[in-house]
Amino acid sequence: MKTLSQLITEASLLIGEISIHPDYEALIKKGYYPDLTVGDAYTALVYLSCEIDPPPIKVSEIEVKP
């Protein structure tokens, strides 16, 4: 069985392929603009990925020097 992280990675790659597929691009050129986009699906996967495998540094931990 694949891990959730592996499945998210695979789904992200597929979404990338969909976004550049000629048939999808043709739909966009015809005026296809759904409320939720392929980009929204990708963003949802990024958020899910961050929940199961958080980045090693949190934004609040980064010190910014002027």
PDB file of N, CA and C in Angstrom:
ATOM      1  N   MET A   1       0.844  -1.175   0.000  1.00  0.00           N
ATOM      2  CA  MET A   1       0.000   0.000   0.000  1.00  0.00           C
ATOM      3  C   MET A   1       0.895   1.246   0.000  1.00  0.00           C
ATOM      4  N   LYS A   2       0.541   2.206  -0.825  1.00  0.00           N
ATOM      5  CA  LYS A   2       1.293   3.459  -0.897  1.00  0.00           C
ATOM      6  C   LYS A   2       0.951   4.342   0.294  1.00  0.00           C
ATOM      7  N   THR A   3       1.924   5.153   0.674  1.00  0.00           N
ATOM      8  CA  THR A   3       1.665   6.099   1.757  1.00  0.00           C
ATOM      9  C   THR A   3       0.829   7.259   1.218  1.00  0.00           C
ATOM     10  N   LEU A   4       0.223   7.982   2.137  1.00  0.00           N
ATOM     11  CA  LEU A   4      -0.559   9.152   1.739  1.00  0.00           C
ATOM     12  C   LEU A   4       0.336  10.171   1.046  1.00  0.00           C
ATOM     13  N   SER A   5       1.539  10.329   1.533  1.00  0.00           N
ATOM     14  CA  SER A   5       2.482  11.264   0.923  1.00  0.00           C
ATOM     15  C   SER A   5       2.795  10.873  -0.524  1.00  0.00           C
ATOM     16  N   GLN A   6       2.981   9.595  -0.777  1.00  0.00           N
ATOM     17  CA  GLN A   6       3.235   9.124  -2.141  1.00  0.00           C
ATOM     18  C   GLN A   6       2.038   9.404  -3.047  1.00  0.00           C
ATOM     19  N   LEU A   7       0.844   9.158  -2.543  1.00  0.00           N
ATOM     20  CA  LEU A   7      -0.366   9.399  -3.331  1.00  0.00           C
ATOM     21  C   LEU A   7      -0.533  10.881  -3.648  1.00  0.00           C
ATOM     22  N   ILE A   8      -0.228  11.733  -2.685  1.00  0.00           N
ATOM     23  CA  ILE A   8      -0.314  13.179  -2.911  1.00  0.00           C
ATOM     24  C   ILE A   8       0.670  13.600  -3.992  1.00  0.00           C
ATOM     25  N   THR A   9       1.874  13.055  -3.936  1.00  0.00           N
ATOM     26  CA  THR A   9       2.877  13.373  -4.952  1.00  0.00           C
ATOM     27  C   THR A   9       2.402  12.937  -6.332  1.00  0.00           C
ATOM     28  N   GLU A  10       1.880  11.725  -6.435  1.00  0.00           N
ATOM     29  CA  GLU A  10       1.384  11.229  -7.717  1.00  0.00           C
ATOM     30  C   GLU A  10       0.233  12.089  -8.237  1.00  0.00           C
ATOM     31  N   ALA A  11      -0.687  12.440  -7.343  1.00  0.00           N
ATOM     32  CA  ALA A  11      -1.825  13.265  -7.744  1.00  0.00           C
ATOM     33  C   ALA A  11      -1.361  14.643  -8.206  1.00  0.00           C
ATOM     34  N   SER A  12      -0.373  15.196  -7.523  1.00  0.00           N
ATOM     35  CA  SER A  12       0.164  16.501  -7.916  1.00  0.00           C
ATOM     36  C   SER A  12       0.768  16.449  -9.311  1.00  0.00           C
ATOM     37  N   LEU A  13       1.495  15.384  -9.592  1.00  0.00           N
ATOM     38  CA  LEU A  13       2.090  15.226 -10.921  1.00  0.00           C
ATOM     39  C   LEU A  13       1.013  15.098 -11.994  1.00  0.00           C
ATOM     40  N   LEU A  14      -0.046  14.347 -11.689  1.00  0.00           N
ATOM     41  CA  LEU A  14      -1.150  14.204 -12.643  1.00  0.00           C
ATOM     42  C   LEU A  14      -1.857  15.532 -12.883  1.00  0.00           C
ATOM     43  N   ILE A  15      -2.050  16.298 -11.836  1.00  0.00           N
ATOM     44  CA  ILE A  15      -2.683  17.610 -11.990  1.00  0.00           C
ATOM     45  C   ILE A  15      -1.824  18.498 -12.883  1.00  0.00           C
ATOM     46  N   GLY A  16      -0.514  18.416 -12.704  1.00  0.00           N
ATOM     47  CA  GLY A  16       0.389  19.170 -13.570  1.00  0.00           C
ATOM     48  C   GLY A  16       0.244  18.767 -15.027  1.00  0.00           C
ATOM     49  N   GLU A  17       0.121  17.469 -15.275  1.00  0.00           N
ATOM     50  CA  GLU A  17      -0.070  16.983 -16.643  1.00  0.00           C
ATOM     51  C   GLU A  17      -1.402  17.461 -17.219  1.00  0.00           C
ATOM     52  N   ILE A  18      -2.448  17.426 -16.399  1.00  0.00           N
ATOM     53  CA  ILE A  18      -3.767  17.888 -16.849  1.00  0.00           C
ATOM     54  C   ILE A  18      -3.706  19.354 -17.246  1.00  0.00           C
ATOM     55  N   SER A  19      -3.036  20.161 -16.443  1.00  0.00           N
ATOM     56  CA  SER A  19      -3.020  21.607 -16.689  1.00  0.00           C
ATOM     57  C   SER A  19      -2.334  21.992 -17.997  1.00  0.00           C
ATOM     58  N   ILE A  20      -1.463  21.123 -18.518  1.00  0.00           N
ATOM     59  CA  ILE A  20      -0.788  21.434 -19.789  1.00  0.00           C
ATOM     60  C   ILE A  20      -1.259  20.546 -20.938  1.00  0.00           C
ATOM     61  N   HIS A  21      -2.263  19.728 -20.683  1.00  0.00           N
ATOM     62  CA  HIS A  21      -2.777  18.838 -21.731  1.00  0.00           C
ATOM     63  C   HIS A  21      -3.492  19.667 -22.800  1.00  0.00           C
ATOM     64  N   PRO A  22      -3.268  19.360 -24.064  1.00  0.00           N
ATOM     65  CA  PRO A  22      -3.901  20.133 -25.145  1.00  0.00           C
ATOM     66  C   PRO A  22      -5.431  20.165 -25.065  1.00  0.00           C
ATOM     67  N   ASP A  23      -6.048  19.069 -24.657  1.00  0.00           N
ATOM     68  CA  ASP A  23      -7.514  19.052 -24.549  1.00  0.00           C
ATOM     69  C   ASP A  23      -7.996  20.003 -23.455  1.00  0.00           C
ATOM     70  N   TYR A  24      -7.273  20.051 -22.341  1.00  0.00           N
ATOM     71  CA  TYR A  24      -7.633  20.970 -21.262  1.00  0.00           C
ATOM     72  C   TYR A  24      -7.418  22.412 -21.703  1.00  0.00           C
ATOM     73  N   GLU A  25      -6.287  22.673 -22.348  1.00  0.00           N
ATOM     74  CA  GLU A  25      -6.011  24.023 -22.840  1.00  0.00           C
ATOM     75  C   GLU A  25      -7.067  24.465 -23.848  1.00  0.00           C
ATOM     76  N   ALA A  26      -7.561  23.532 -24.670  1.00  0.00           N
ATOM     77  CA  ALA A  26      -8.613  23.855 -25.635  1.00  0.00           C
ATOM     78  C   ALA A  26      -9.903  24.242 -24.915  1.00  0.00           C
ATOM     79  N   LEU A  27     -10.213  23.542 -23.827  1.00  0.00           N
ATOM     80  CA  LEU A  27     -11.406  23.897 -23.043  1.00  0.00           C
ATOM     81  C   LEU A  27     -11.288  25.307 -22.478  1.00  0.00           C
ATOM     82  N   ILE A  28     -10.117  25.647 -21.979  1.00  0.00           N
ATOM     83  CA  ILE A  28      -9.894  26.988 -21.428  1.00  0.00           C
ATOM     84  C   ILE A  28     -10.076  28.039 -22.523  1.00  0.00           C
ATOM     85  N   LYS A  29      -9.536  27.763 -23.703  1.00  0.00           N
ATOM     86  CA  LYS A  29      -9.665  28.708 -24.819  1.00  0.00           C
ATOM     87  C   LYS A  29     -11.115  28.881 -25.250  1.00  0.00           C
ATOM     88  N   LYS A  30     -11.943  27.847 -25.037  1.00  0.00           N
ATOM     89  CA  LYS A  30     -13.367  27.921 -25.378  1.00  0.00           C
ATOM     90  C   LYS A  30     -14.168  28.660 -24.311  1.00  0.00           C
ATOM     91  N   GLY A  31     -13.511  29.017 -23.207  1.00  0.00           N
ATOM     92  CA  GLY A  31     -14.208  29.759 -22.162  1.00  0.00           C
ATOM     93  C   GLY A  31     -14.572  28.945 -20.943  1.00  0.00           C
ATOM     94  N   TYR A  32     -13.996  27.777 -20.796  1.00  0.00           N
ATOM     95  CA  TYR A  32     -14.261  26.937 -19.630  1.00  0.00           C
ATOM     96  C   TYR A  32     -13.548  27.519 -18.414  1.00  0.00           C
ATOM     97  N   TYR A  33     -14.315  28.052 -17.482  1.00  0.00           N
ATOM     98  CA  TYR A  33     -13.762  28.618 -16.250  1.00  0.00           C
ATOM     99  C   TYR A  33     -14.619  28.171 -15.071  1.00  0.00           C
ATOM    100  N   PRO A  34     -14.315  27.001 -14.500  1.00  0.00           N
ATOM    101  CA  PRO A  34     -15.102  26.509 -13.368  1.00  0.00           C
ATOM    102  C   PRO A  34     -14.816  27.317 -12.102  1.00  0.00           C
ATOM    103  N   ASP A  35     -15.702  27.186 -11.120  1.00  0.00           N
ATOM    104  CA  ASP A  35     -15.496  27.873  -9.842  1.00  0.00           C
ATOM    105  C   ASP A  35     -14.217  27.385  -9.156  1.00  0.00           C
ATOM    106  N   LEU A  36     -13.969  26.095  -9.231  1.00  0.00           N
ATOM    107  CA  LEU A  36     -12.740  25.520  -8.679  1.00  0.00           C
ATOM    108  C   LEU A  36     -11.874  25.075  -9.845  1.00  0.00           C
ATOM    109  N   THR A  37     -10.621  25.455  -9.821  1.00  0.00           N
ATOM    110  CA  THR A  37      -9.736  25.187 -10.950  1.00  0.00           C
ATOM    111  C   THR A  37      -8.758  24.052 -10.644  1.00  0.00           C
ATOM    112  N   VAL A  38      -8.007  23.681 -11.661  1.00  0.00           N
ATOM    113  CA  VAL A  38      -6.946  22.699 -11.480  1.00  0.00           C
ATOM    114  C   VAL A  38      -5.928  23.239 -10.473  1.00  0.00           C
ATOM    115  N   GLY A  39      -5.684  24.530 -10.527  1.00  0.00           N
ATOM    116  CA  GLY A  39      -4.779  25.156  -9.559  1.00  0.00           C
ATOM    117  C   GLY A  39      -5.288  25.041  -8.135  1.00  0.00           C
ATOM    118  N   ASP A  40      -6.603  25.140  -7.958  1.00  0.00           N
ATOM    119  CA  ASP A  40      -7.191  24.977  -6.626  1.00  0.00           C
ATOM    120  C   ASP A  40      -6.973  23.552  -6.111  1.00  0.00           C
ATOM    121  N   ALA A  41      -7.114  22.581  -7.001  1.00  0.00           N
ATOM    122  CA  ALA A  41      -6.888  21.183  -6.618  1.00  0.00           C
ATOM    123  C   ALA A  41      -5.439  20.981  -6.187  1.00  0.00           C
ATOM    124  N   TYR A  42      -4.525  21.580  -6.930  1.00  0.00           N
ATOM    125  CA  TYR A  42      -3.106  21.476  -6.590  1.00  0.00           C
ATOM    126  C   TYR A  42      -2.833  22.126  -5.229  1.00  0.00           C
ATOM    127  N   THR A  43      -3.415  23.284  -5.003  1.00  0.00           N
ATOM    128  CA  THR A  43      -3.239  23.981  -3.727  1.00  0.00           C
ATOM    129  C   THR A  43      -3.761  23.136  -2.569  1.00  0.00           C
ATOM    130  N   ALA A  44      -4.894  22.478  -2.763  1.00  0.00           N
ATOM    131  CA  ALA A  44      -5.445  21.611  -1.719  1.00  0.00           C
ATOM    132  C   ALA A  44      -4.467  20.487  -1.383  1.00  0.00           C
ATOM    133  N   LEU A  45      -3.815  19.942  -2.395  1.00  0.00           N
ATOM    134  CA  LEU A  45      -2.834  18.884  -2.156  1.00  0.00           C
ATOM    135  C   LEU A  45      -1.603  19.415  -1.421  1.00  0.00           C
ATOM    136  N   VAL A  46      -1.196  20.630  -1.732  1.00  0.00           N
ATOM    137  CA  VAL A  46      -0.062  21.245  -1.027  1.00  0.00           C
ATOM    138  C   VAL A  46      -0.404  21.405   0.451  1.00  0.00           C
ATOM    139  N   TYR A  47      -1.612  21.898   0.749  1.00  0.00           N
ATOM    140  CA  TYR A  47      -2.032  22.065   2.141  1.00  0.00           C
ATOM    141  C   TYR A  47      -2.075  20.719   2.862  1.00  0.00           C
ATOM    142  N   LEU A  48      -2.618  19.708   2.190  1.00  0.00           N
ATOM    143  CA  LEU A  48      -2.689  18.374   2.783  1.00  0.00           C
ATOM    144  C   LEU A  48      -1.286  17.840   3.048  1.00  0.00           C
ATOM    145  N   SER A  49      -0.408  18.027   2.105  1.00  0.00           N
ATOM    146  CA  SER A  49       0.973  17.575   2.258  1.00  0.00           C
ATOM    147  C   SER A  49       1.642  18.249   3.453  1.00  0.00           C
ATOM    148  N   CYS A  50       1.396  19.530   3.633  1.00  0.00           N
ATOM    149  CA  CYS A  50       1.977  20.259   4.769  1.00  0.00           C
ATOM    150  C   CYS A  50       1.425  19.764   6.101  1.00  0.00           C
ATOM    151  N   GLU A  51       0.203  19.289   6.105  1.00  0.00           N
ATOM    152  CA  GLU A  51      -0.393  18.763   7.338  1.00  0.00           C
ATOM    153  C   GLU A  51       0.231  17.433   7.733  1.00  0.00           C
ATOM    154  N   ILE A  52       0.508  16.581   6.744  1.00  0.00           N
ATOM    155  CA  ILE A  52       1.039  15.258   7.089  1.00  0.00           C
ATOM    156  C   ILE A  52       2.562  15.252   7.194  1.00  0.00           C
ATOM    157  N   ASP A  53       3.205  16.203   6.548  1.00  0.00           N
ATOM    158  CA  ASP A  53       4.667  16.288   6.576  1.00  0.00           C
ATOM    159  C   ASP A  53       5.062  17.753   6.625  1.00  0.00           C
ATOM    160  N   PRO A  54       4.918  18.373   7.807  1.00  0.00           N
ATOM    161  CA  PRO A  54       5.159  19.818   7.903  1.00  0.00           C
ATOM    162  C   PRO A  54       6.595  20.186   7.543  1.00  0.00           C
ATOM    163  N   PRO A  55       6.756  21.379   6.980  1.00  0.00           N
ATOM    164  CA  PRO A  55       8.110  21.837   6.673  1.00  0.00           C
ATOM    165  C   PRO A  55       8.930  21.963   7.954  1.00  0.00           C
ATOM    166  N   PRO A  56      10.251  21.804   7.866  1.00  0.00           N
ATOM    167  CA  PRO A  56      11.071  21.830   9.079  1.00  0.00           C
ATOM    168  C   PRO A  56      11.131  23.188   9.784  1.00  0.00           C
ATOM    169  N   ILE A  57      10.861  24.276   9.070  1.00  0.00           N
ATOM    170  CA  ILE A  57      10.916  25.611   9.671  1.00  0.00           C
ATOM    171  C   ILE A  57       9.549  26.274   9.541  1.00  0.00           C
ATOM    172  N   LYS A  58       9.044  26.764  10.658  1.00  0.00           N
ATOM    173  CA  LYS A  58       7.794  27.504  10.622  1.00  0.00           C
ATOM    174  C   LYS A  58       8.108  28.962  10.339  1.00  0.00           C
ATOM    175  N   VAL A  59       7.183  29.638   9.698  1.00  0.00           N
ATOM    176  CA  VAL A  59       7.388  31.044   9.359  1.00  0.00           C
ATOM    177  C   VAL A  59       7.696  31.857  10.603  1.00  0.00           C
ATOM    178  N   SER A  60       7.030  31.564  11.700  1.00  0.00           N
ATOM    179  CA  SER A  60       7.250  32.321  12.936  1.00  0.00           C
ATOM    180  C   SER A  60       8.653  32.104  13.501  1.00  0.00           C
ATOM    181  N   GLU A  61       9.352  31.052  13.067  1.00  0.00           N
ATOM    182  CA  GLU A  61      10.690  30.756  13.559  1.00  0.00           C
ATOM    183  C   GLU A  61      11.784  31.442  12.747  1.00  0.00           C
ATOM    184  N   ILE A  62      11.430  32.004  11.619  1.00  0.00           N
ATOM    185  CA  ILE A  62      12.417  32.642  10.763  1.00  0.00           C
ATOM    186  C   ILE A  62      12.692  34.047  11.281  1.00  0.00           C
ATOM    187  N   GLU A  63      13.951  34.338  11.532  1.00  0.00           N
ATOM    188  CA  GLU A  63      14.328  35.658  12.023  1.00  0.00           C
ATOM    189  C   GLU A  63      14.670  36.549  10.832  1.00  0.00           C
ATOM    190  N   VAL A  64      14.018  37.683  10.783  1.00  0.00           N
ATOM    191  CA  VAL A  64      14.265  38.639   9.708  1.00  0.00           C
ATOM    192  C   VAL A  64      15.026  39.814  10.290  1.00  0.00           C
ATOM    193  N   LYS A  65      16.172  40.100   9.688  1.00  0.00           N
ATOM    194  CA  LYS A  65      16.982  41.231  10.154  1.00  0.00           C
ATOM    195  C   LYS A  65      16.858  42.370   9.159  1.00  0.00           C
ATOM    196  N   PRO A  66      16.590  43.591   9.663  1.00  0.00           N
ATOM    197  CA  PRO A  66      16.443  44.739   8.755  1.00  0.00           C
ATOM    198  C   PRO A  66      17.751  45.144   8.106  1.00  0.00           C
TER     199      PRO A  66
END
